[in-house]
Amino acid sequence: MSDKIEVRNVNVPGRVERVDAAKYAAMKTAMLATLPDGPPGLTGREIKEAALPHLPATLFPQGKTAGWWAKTVQLDLEARGELARSKASPLRFWRTG
């Protein structure tokens, strides 16, 4: 059985989900390595594409499920105040510190 980690969702305050800790950690590391420190940031698609080369093939064979994990980590990091998003469309994201 794999270890789990609790994640939040900036769009649903108070809601907590449990997800695979190894996949979460791998995606978080990849995202934080590629996201800029300020605006204009990257779109969701750009985040996924930038993160792919940094993800271990054992957890994300052929990049499968990377989009779902990128969104999950993005929403959690926003809820924790580690990412910010633009107010206009298309949404863009960057690290806050």
C-alpha atoms as a PDB file:
ATOM      1  CA  MET A   1       0.000   0.000   0.000  1.00  0.00           C
ATOM      2  CA  SER A   2       1.390   3.415  -0.928  1.00  0.00           C
ATOM      3  CA  ASP A   3       1.794   6.293   1.492  1.00  0.00           C
ATOM      4  CA  LYS A   4      -0.787   9.062   1.259  1.00  0.00           C
ATOM      5  CA  ILE A   5      -0.614  12.818   1.728  1.00  0.00           C
ATOM      6  CA  GLU A   6      -3.464  15.233   2.370  1.00  0.00           C
ATOM      7  CA  VAL A   7      -4.038  17.911  -0.262  1.00  0.00           C
ATOM      8  CA  ARG A   8      -6.278  20.945  -0.283  1.00  0.00           C
ATOM      9  CA  ASN A   9      -8.203  22.666  -3.041  1.00  0.00           C
ATOM     10  CA  VAL A  10      -8.155  26.464  -3.243  1.00  0.00           C
ATOM     11  CA  ASN A  11     -11.594  26.334  -4.923  1.00  0.00           C
ATOM     12  CA  VAL A  12     -13.187  24.257  -2.131  1.00  0.00           C
ATOM     13  CA  PRO A  13     -11.943  25.622   1.220  1.00  0.00           C
ATOM     14  CA  GLY A  14     -11.944  23.077   4.020  1.00  0.00           C
ATOM     15  CA  ARG A  15     -11.975  20.060   1.720  1.00  0.00           C
ATOM     16  CA  VAL A  16      -9.078  17.648   2.069  1.00  0.00           C
ATOM     17  CA  GLU A  17      -8.303  14.659  -0.158  1.00  0.00           C
ATOM     18  CA  ARG A  18      -5.710  11.944   0.332  1.00  0.00           C
ATOM     19  CA  VAL A  19      -3.470  11.161  -2.645  1.00  0.00           C
ATOM     20  CA  ASP A  20      -0.333   9.148  -3.383  1.00  0.00           C
ATOM     21  CA  ALA A  21       2.560  10.858  -1.577  1.00  0.00           C
ATOM     22  CA  ALA A  22       5.301   9.798  -4.016  1.00  0.00           C
ATOM     23  CA  LYS A  23       3.484  11.088  -7.100  1.00  0.00           C
ATOM     24  CA  TYR A  24       2.539  14.300  -5.303  1.00  0.00           C
ATOM     25  CA  ALA A  25       6.137  14.906  -4.201  1.00  0.00           C
ATOM     26  CA  ALA A  26       7.543  14.191  -7.665  1.00  0.00           C
ATOM     27  CA  MET A  27       5.116  16.573  -9.359  1.00  0.00           C
ATOM     28  CA  LYS A  28       5.590  19.275  -6.724  1.00  0.00           C
ATOM     29  CA  THR A  29       9.372  19.121  -7.119  1.00  0.00           C
ATOM     30  CA  ALA A  30       9.100  19.253 -10.918  1.00  0.00           C
ATOM     31  CA  MET A  31       6.640  22.149 -10.845  1.00  0.00           C
ATOM     32  CA  LEU A  32       8.592  24.242  -8.362  1.00  0.00           C
ATOM     33  CA  ALA A  33      11.746  23.684 -10.424  1.00  0.00           C
ATOM     34  CA  THR A  34      10.084  25.122 -13.524  1.00  0.00           C
ATOM     35  CA  LEU A  35       7.673  27.802 -12.278  1.00  0.00           C
ATOM     36  CA  PRO A  36       8.917  31.404 -12.253  1.00  0.00           C
ATOM     37  CA  ASP A  37       9.082  33.506  -9.084  1.00  0.00           C
ATOM     38  CA  GLY A  38       6.617  36.082 -10.387  1.00  0.00           C
ATOM     39  CA  PRO A  39       4.235  37.117 -13.152  1.00  0.00           C
ATOM     40  CA  PRO A  40       3.475  36.504 -15.905  1.00  0.00           C
ATOM     41  CA  GLY A  41       3.921  32.831 -14.949  1.00  0.00           C
ATOM     42  CA  LEU A  42       2.931  29.721 -16.882  1.00  0.00           C
ATOM     43  CA  THR A  43      -0.415  28.342 -18.042  1.00  0.00           C
ATOM     44  CA  GLY A  44      -1.598  24.940 -16.856  1.00  0.00           C
ATOM     45  CA  ARG A  45      -0.551  23.369 -20.139  1.00  0.00           C
ATOM     46  CA  GLU A  46       2.882  25.013 -19.961  1.00  0.00           C
ATOM     47  CA  ILE A  47       3.340  23.776 -16.388  1.00  0.00           C
ATOM     48  CA  LYS A  48       2.596  20.192 -17.423  1.00  0.00           C
ATOM     49  CA  GLU A  49       4.913  20.350 -20.443  1.00  0.00           C
ATOM     50  CA  ALA A  50       7.745  21.915 -18.407  1.00  0.00           C
ATOM     51  CA  ALA A  51       7.355  19.359 -15.610  1.00  0.00           C
ATOM     52  CA  LEU A  52       7.323  16.234 -17.820  1.00  0.00           C
ATOM     53  CA  PRO A  53      11.116  15.951 -18.314  1.00  0.00           C
ATOM     54  CA  HIS A  54      11.616  16.158 -14.533  1.00  0.00           C
ATOM     55  CA  LEU A  55       9.186  13.350 -13.646  1.00  0.00           C
ATOM     56  CA  PRO A  56      10.406   9.808 -12.930  1.00  0.00           C
ATOM     57  CA  ALA A  57       9.239   7.327 -15.562  1.00  0.00           C
ATOM     58  CA  THR A  58       8.538   4.777 -12.836  1.00  0.00           C
ATOM     59  CA  LEU A  59       5.760   6.990 -11.437  1.00  0.00           C
ATOM     60  CA  PHE A  60       4.624   8.625 -14.679  1.00  0.00           C
ATOM     61  CA  PRO A  61       5.243   6.148 -17.527  1.00  0.00           C
ATOM     62  CA  GLN A  62       4.995   8.024 -20.836  1.00  0.00           C
ATOM     63  CA  GLY A  63       3.697  11.041 -18.891  1.00  0.00           C
ATOM     64  CA  LYS A  64       0.428   9.295 -18.079  1.00  0.00           C
ATOM     65  CA  THR A  65      -1.722  11.122 -15.518  1.00  0.00           C
ATOM     66  CA  ALA A  66       0.759  14.036 -15.371  1.00  0.00           C
ATOM     67  CA  GLY A  67      -1.985  16.536 -16.237  1.00  0.00           C
ATOM     68  CA  TRP A  68      -4.185  15.391 -13.361  1.00  0.00           C
ATOM     69  CA  TRP A  69      -1.278  15.502 -10.926  1.00  0.00           C
ATOM     70  CA  ALA A  70      -0.164  18.943 -12.136  1.00  0.00           C
ATOM     71  CA  LYS A  71      -3.668  20.304 -11.487  1.00  0.00           C
ATOM     72  CA  THR A  72      -3.903  18.595  -8.088  1.00  0.00           C
ATOM     73  CA  VAL A  73      -0.559  20.000  -6.950  1.00  0.00           C
ATOM     74  CA  GLN A  74      -1.359  23.442  -8.394  1.00  0.00           C
ATOM     75  CA  LEU A  75      -4.649  23.669  -6.460  1.00  0.00           C
ATOM     76  CA  ASP A  76      -2.976  22.453  -3.261  1.00  0.00           C
ATOM     77  CA  LEU A  77      -0.051  24.872  -3.529  1.00  0.00           C
ATOM     78  CA  GLU A  78      -2.467  27.728  -4.186  1.00  0.00           C
ATOM     79  CA  ALA A  79      -4.468  26.769  -1.094  1.00  0.00           C
ATOM     80  CA  ARG A  80      -1.233  26.779   0.924  1.00  0.00           C
ATOM     81  CA  GLY A  81      -0.195  30.188  -0.442  1.00  0.00           C
ATOM     82  CA  GLU A  82       2.834  28.866  -2.334  1.00  0.00           C
ATOM     83  CA  LEU A  83       1.439  29.698  -5.801  1.00  0.00           C
ATOM     84  CA  ALA A  84      -0.477  32.664  -7.143  1.00  0.00           C
ATOM     85  CA  ARG A  85      -2.679  32.904 -10.222  1.00  0.00           C
ATOM     86  CA  SER A  86      -3.460  35.682 -12.654  1.00  0.00           C
ATOM     87  CA  LYS A  87      -6.878  37.277 -12.564  1.00  0.00           C
ATOM     88  CA  ALA A  88      -7.351  37.237 -16.354  1.00  0.00           C
ATOM     89  CA  SER A  89      -7.735  34.363 -18.768  1.00  0.00           C
ATOM     90  CA  PRO A  90      -5.793  32.337 -19.672  1.00  0.00           C
ATOM     91  CA  LEU A  91      -4.896  31.639 -16.064  1.00  0.00           C
ATOM     92  CA  ARG A  92      -1.175  31.784 -15.368  1.00  0.00           C
ATOM     93  CA  PHE A  93       0.621  30.608 -12.225  1.00  0.00           C
ATOM     94  CA  TRP A  94       3.864  31.494 -10.423  1.00  0.00           C
ATOM     95  CA  ARG A  95       5.628  30.831  -7.128  1.00  0.00           C
ATOM     96  CA  THR A  96       4.989  33.287  -4.324  1.00  0.00           C
ATOM     97  CA  GLY A  97       8.196  32.802  -2.405  1.00  0.00           C
END
